[in-house]
Amino acid sequence: TEERANIIDALKVLDYTNKQFEEHEEKLTKKFGFKQNYVDMILNIFNENILKGIQGDYYQMALLLNKEGMKFFHFLQISVKIQLEEFK
């Protein structure tokens, strides 16, 4: 549909392909038991990307602190916690 094409165009900013969108759509349908509307799907995709970025930042901070011999475990914990949220 035209709406779907517009959404795919909007997600190109994230280098999201049509195939990735379809896989994400299928994943959300399985998770919630019904097909999500396109706005909710886009918001979910953006939220996942934000969390992945934050998770990566915390992981990099933990690596740097560890390399410098400083306390890093708390940052590593946060990174892993964010990563585990994906499986809910």
N, C-alpha and C. Protein backbone atom coordinates (compact mmCIF):
# COMPACT_ATOMS: atom_id res chain seq x y z
N THR A 1 0.83 -1.18 0.00
CA THR A 1 0.00 0.00 0.00
C THR A 1 0.88 1.25 0.00
N GLU A 2 0.25 2.38 -0.26
CA GLU A 2 0.99 3.65 -0.27
C GLU A 2 1.50 3.98 1.14
N GLU A 3 0.66 3.70 2.14
CA GLU A 3 1.08 3.96 3.53
C GLU A 3 2.33 3.15 3.87
N ARG A 4 2.32 1.90 3.49
CA ARG A 4 3.47 1.02 3.76
C ARG A 4 4.71 1.51 3.03
N ALA A 5 4.55 1.94 1.80
CA ALA A 5 5.68 2.47 1.03
C ALA A 5 6.26 3.71 1.69
N ASN A 6 5.40 4.58 2.20
CA ASN A 6 5.86 5.77 2.91
C ASN A 6 6.64 5.40 4.16
N ILE A 7 6.20 4.37 4.84
CA ILE A 7 6.88 3.93 6.05
C ILE A 7 8.25 3.36 5.71
N ILE A 8 8.31 2.55 4.68
CA ILE A 8 9.60 1.99 4.25
C ILE A 8 10.55 3.12 3.89
N ASP A 9 10.06 4.14 3.21
CA ASP A 9 10.90 5.30 2.88
C ASP A 9 11.40 5.98 4.15
N ALA A 10 10.52 6.13 5.14
CA ALA A 10 10.91 6.78 6.39
C ALA A 10 11.98 5.98 7.12
N LEU A 11 11.91 4.67 7.02
CA LEU A 11 12.87 3.82 7.73
C LEU A 11 14.20 3.68 7.00
N LYS A 12 14.28 4.18 5.78
CA LYS A 12 15.56 4.14 5.07
C LYS A 12 16.62 4.96 5.80
N VAL A 13 16.18 5.93 6.60
CA VAL A 13 17.11 6.71 7.43
C VAL A 13 17.91 5.77 8.33
N LEU A 14 17.29 4.69 8.74
CA LEU A 14 17.93 3.70 9.61
C LEU A 14 18.55 2.56 8.81
N ASP A 15 18.63 2.71 7.50
CA ASP A 15 19.10 1.63 6.62
C ASP A 15 18.25 0.37 6.78
N TYR A 16 16.97 0.55 6.98
CA TYR A 16 16.03 -0.55 7.15
C TYR A 16 15.50 -0.96 5.79
N THR A 17 15.60 -2.23 5.46
CA THR A 17 15.10 -2.73 4.18
C THR A 17 13.65 -3.19 4.33
N ASN A 18 13.02 -3.41 3.20
CA ASN A 18 11.65 -3.93 3.20
C ASN A 18 11.61 -5.29 3.88
N LYS A 19 12.63 -6.12 3.62
CA LYS A 19 12.68 -7.45 4.23
C LYS A 19 12.78 -7.34 5.75
N GLN A 20 13.62 -6.43 6.24
CA GLN A 20 13.75 -6.25 7.68
C GLN A 20 12.43 -5.77 8.28
N PHE A 21 11.75 -4.89 7.57
CA PHE A 21 10.46 -4.40 8.04
C PHE A 21 9.46 -5.55 8.15
N GLU A 22 9.42 -6.42 7.15
CA GLU A 22 8.51 -7.56 7.17
C GLU A 22 8.84 -8.50 8.32
N GLU A 23 10.13 -8.72 8.57
CA GLU A 23 10.54 -9.57 9.68
C GLU A 23 10.13 -8.95 11.02
N HIS A 24 10.29 -7.64 11.12
CA HIS A 24 9.91 -6.94 12.35
C HIS A 24 8.39 -7.00 12.54
N GLU A 25 7.67 -6.83 11.45
CA GLU A 25 6.21 -6.91 11.50
C GLU A 25 5.77 -8.29 11.99
N GLU A 26 6.41 -9.32 11.48
CA GLU A 26 6.09 -10.70 11.88
C GLU A 26 6.41 -10.92 13.36
N LYS A 27 7.56 -10.40 13.80
CA LYS A 27 7.98 -10.55 15.20
C LYS A 27 6.98 -9.89 16.14
N LEU A 28 6.54 -8.68 15.81
CA LEU A 28 5.59 -7.98 16.67
C LEU A 28 4.22 -8.65 16.66
N THR A 29 3.81 -9.16 15.51
CA THR A 29 2.53 -9.87 15.41
C THR A 29 2.56 -11.11 16.31
N LYS A 30 3.68 -11.82 16.27
CA LYS A 30 3.82 -13.01 17.11
C LYS A 30 3.84 -12.63 18.59
N LYS A 31 4.53 -11.55 18.92
CA LYS A 31 4.65 -11.11 20.31
C LYS A 31 3.31 -10.68 20.90
N PHE A 32 2.54 -9.89 20.14
CA PHE A 32 1.30 -9.32 20.66
C PHE A 32 0.05 -10.10 20.27
N GLY A 33 0.17 -11.02 19.32
CA GLY A 33 -0.97 -11.82 18.93
C GLY A 33 -1.87 -11.17 17.89
N PHE A 34 -1.49 -10.00 17.43
CA PHE A 34 -2.24 -9.32 16.37
C PHE A 34 -1.30 -8.38 15.64
N LYS A 35 -1.71 -8.01 14.43
CA LYS A 35 -0.88 -7.14 13.61
C LYS A 35 -0.92 -5.71 14.15
N GLN A 36 0.25 -5.13 14.35
CA GLN A 36 0.37 -3.77 14.85
C GLN A 36 0.09 -2.77 13.73
N ASN A 37 -0.39 -1.59 14.11
CA ASN A 37 -0.54 -0.57 13.08
C ASN A 37 0.85 -0.04 12.73
N TYR A 38 0.95 0.61 11.60
CA TYR A 38 2.26 1.01 11.09
C TYR A 38 2.96 2.03 11.99
N VAL A 39 2.21 2.92 12.59
CA VAL A 39 2.83 3.92 13.47
C VAL A 39 3.48 3.23 14.67
N ASP A 40 2.76 2.29 15.28
CA ASP A 40 3.33 1.56 16.42
C ASP A 40 4.57 0.77 16.01
N MET A 41 4.53 0.21 14.81
CA MET A 41 5.69 -0.55 14.34
C MET A 41 6.90 0.36 14.15
N ILE A 42 6.69 1.52 13.56
CA ILE A 42 7.80 2.46 13.35
C ILE A 42 8.35 2.92 14.70
N LEU A 43 7.47 3.26 15.62
CA LEU A 43 7.92 3.68 16.94
C LEU A 43 8.72 2.58 17.63
N ASN A 44 8.26 1.35 17.48
CA ASN A 44 8.98 0.22 18.06
C ASN A 44 10.37 0.08 17.45
N ILE A 45 10.46 0.23 16.15
CA ILE A 45 11.76 0.14 15.47
C ILE A 45 12.69 1.25 15.94
N PHE A 46 12.20 2.47 16.01
CA PHE A 46 13.03 3.58 16.49
C PHE A 46 13.46 3.35 17.93
N ASN A 47 12.54 2.90 18.77
CA ASN A 47 12.89 2.63 20.17
C ASN A 47 13.97 1.56 20.29
N GLU A 48 13.85 0.50 19.50
CA GLU A 48 14.86 -0.55 19.51
C GLU A 48 16.23 -0.01 19.10
N ASN A 49 16.24 0.83 18.08
CA ASN A 49 17.51 1.41 17.63
C ASN A 49 18.11 2.33 18.68
N ILE A 50 17.27 3.09 19.36
CA ILE A 50 17.76 3.96 20.43
C ILE A 50 18.38 3.11 21.54
N LEU A 51 17.67 2.06 21.94
CA LEU A 51 18.19 1.20 23.00
C LEU A 51 19.49 0.52 22.59
N LYS A 52 19.58 0.08 21.34
CA LYS A 52 20.82 -0.54 20.87
C LYS A 52 21.98 0.45 20.93
N GLY A 53 21.71 1.70 20.57
CA GLY A 53 22.75 2.72 20.64
C GLY A 53 23.20 2.97 22.06
N ILE A 54 22.23 3.09 22.96
CA ILE A 54 22.55 3.32 24.37
C ILE A 54 23.29 2.11 24.93
N GLN A 55 22.82 0.92 24.58
CA GLN A 55 23.47 -0.31 25.06
C GLN A 55 24.92 -0.34 24.61
N GLY A 56 25.16 0.02 23.38
CA GLY A 56 26.52 0.05 22.85
C GLY A 56 27.39 1.08 23.55
N ASP A 57 26.80 2.23 23.87
CA ASP A 57 27.55 3.27 24.59
C ASP A 57 27.98 2.79 25.97
N TYR A 58 27.05 2.17 26.70
CA TYR A 58 27.39 1.66 28.02
C TYR A 58 28.47 0.57 27.93
N TYR A 59 28.37 -0.27 26.92
CA TYR A 59 29.37 -1.32 26.75
C TYR A 59 30.74 -0.71 26.46
N GLN A 60 30.79 0.29 25.60
CA GLN A 60 32.06 0.94 25.29
C GLN A 60 32.63 1.65 26.52
N MET A 61 31.76 2.25 27.32
CA MET A 61 32.22 2.88 28.56
C MET A 61 32.82 1.83 29.50
N ALA A 62 32.16 0.67 29.60
CA ALA A 62 32.68 -0.40 30.45
C ALA A 62 34.04 -0.88 29.96
N LEU A 63 34.19 -1.03 28.65
CA LEU A 63 35.49 -1.44 28.10
C LEU A 63 36.58 -0.44 28.43
N LEU A 64 36.28 0.84 28.26
CA LEU A 64 37.26 1.89 28.54
C LEU A 64 37.65 1.90 30.02
N LEU A 65 36.65 1.84 30.88
CA LEU A 65 36.93 1.85 32.32
C LEU A 65 37.75 0.63 32.72
N ASN A 66 37.42 -0.53 32.17
CA ASN A 66 38.17 -1.75 32.45
C ASN A 66 39.62 -1.60 31.99
N LYS A 67 39.80 -1.07 30.81
CA LYS A 67 41.15 -0.87 30.27
C LYS A 67 41.96 0.06 31.15
N GLU A 68 41.30 1.05 31.73
CA GLU A 68 41.98 2.03 32.58
C GLU A 68 42.10 1.56 34.03
N GLY A 69 41.64 0.33 34.30
CA GLY A 69 41.74 -0.22 35.65
C GLY A 69 40.75 0.37 36.63
N MET A 70 39.68 0.91 36.10
CA MET A 70 38.66 1.54 36.95
C MET A 70 37.45 0.61 37.08
N LYS A 71 36.57 0.94 38.00
CA LYS A 71 35.36 0.13 38.20
C LYS A 71 34.47 0.26 36.96
N PHE A 72 34.12 -0.88 36.40
CA PHE A 72 33.35 -0.90 35.15
C PHE A 72 32.10 -1.74 35.23
N PHE A 73 31.97 -2.57 36.26
CA PHE A 73 30.92 -3.58 36.30
C PHE A 73 29.52 -2.98 36.18
N HIS A 74 29.28 -1.86 36.82
CA HIS A 74 27.94 -1.24 36.78
C HIS A 74 27.54 -0.89 35.34
N PHE A 75 28.48 -0.36 34.56
CA PHE A 75 28.18 -0.01 33.17
C PHE A 75 27.94 -1.25 32.33
N LEU A 76 28.70 -2.30 32.61
CA LEU A 76 28.50 -3.56 31.91
C LEU A 76 27.13 -4.15 32.25
N GLN A 77 26.74 -4.05 33.51
CA GLN A 77 25.42 -4.53 33.93
C GLN A 77 24.30 -3.81 33.18
N ILE A 78 24.41 -2.50 33.09
CA ILE A 78 23.39 -1.72 32.39
C ILE A 78 23.32 -2.15 30.93
N SER A 79 24.47 -2.33 30.32
CA SER A 79 24.53 -2.75 28.91
C SER A 79 23.82 -4.08 28.71
N VAL A 80 24.11 -5.04 29.57
CA VAL A 80 23.50 -6.37 29.45
C VAL A 80 22.01 -6.31 29.74
N LYS A 81 21.62 -5.51 30.73
CA LYS A 81 20.19 -5.37 31.06
C LYS A 81 19.41 -4.84 29.86
N ILE A 82 19.95 -3.83 29.21
CA ILE A 82 19.29 -3.28 28.02
C ILE A 82 19.18 -4.35 26.94
N GLN A 83 20.25 -5.11 26.76
CA GLN A 83 20.26 -6.16 25.74
C GLN A 83 19.22 -7.23 26.06
N LEU A 84 19.08 -7.58 27.32
CA LEU A 84 18.12 -8.61 27.71
C LEU A 84 16.67 -8.15 27.55
N GLU A 85 16.42 -6.85 27.61
CA GLU A 85 15.07 -6.32 27.43
C GLU A 85 14.48 -6.72 26.08
N GLU A 86 15.35 -6.95 25.10
CA GLU A 86 14.88 -7.35 23.77
C GLU A 86 14.11 -8.65 23.80
N PHE A 87 14.40 -9.51 24.78
CA PHE A 87 13.81 -10.84 24.81
C PHE A 87 12.48 -10.90 25.54
N LYS A 88 12.02 -9.78 26.07
CA LYS A 88 10.73 -9.76 26.76
C LYS A 88 9.60 -9.91 25.78
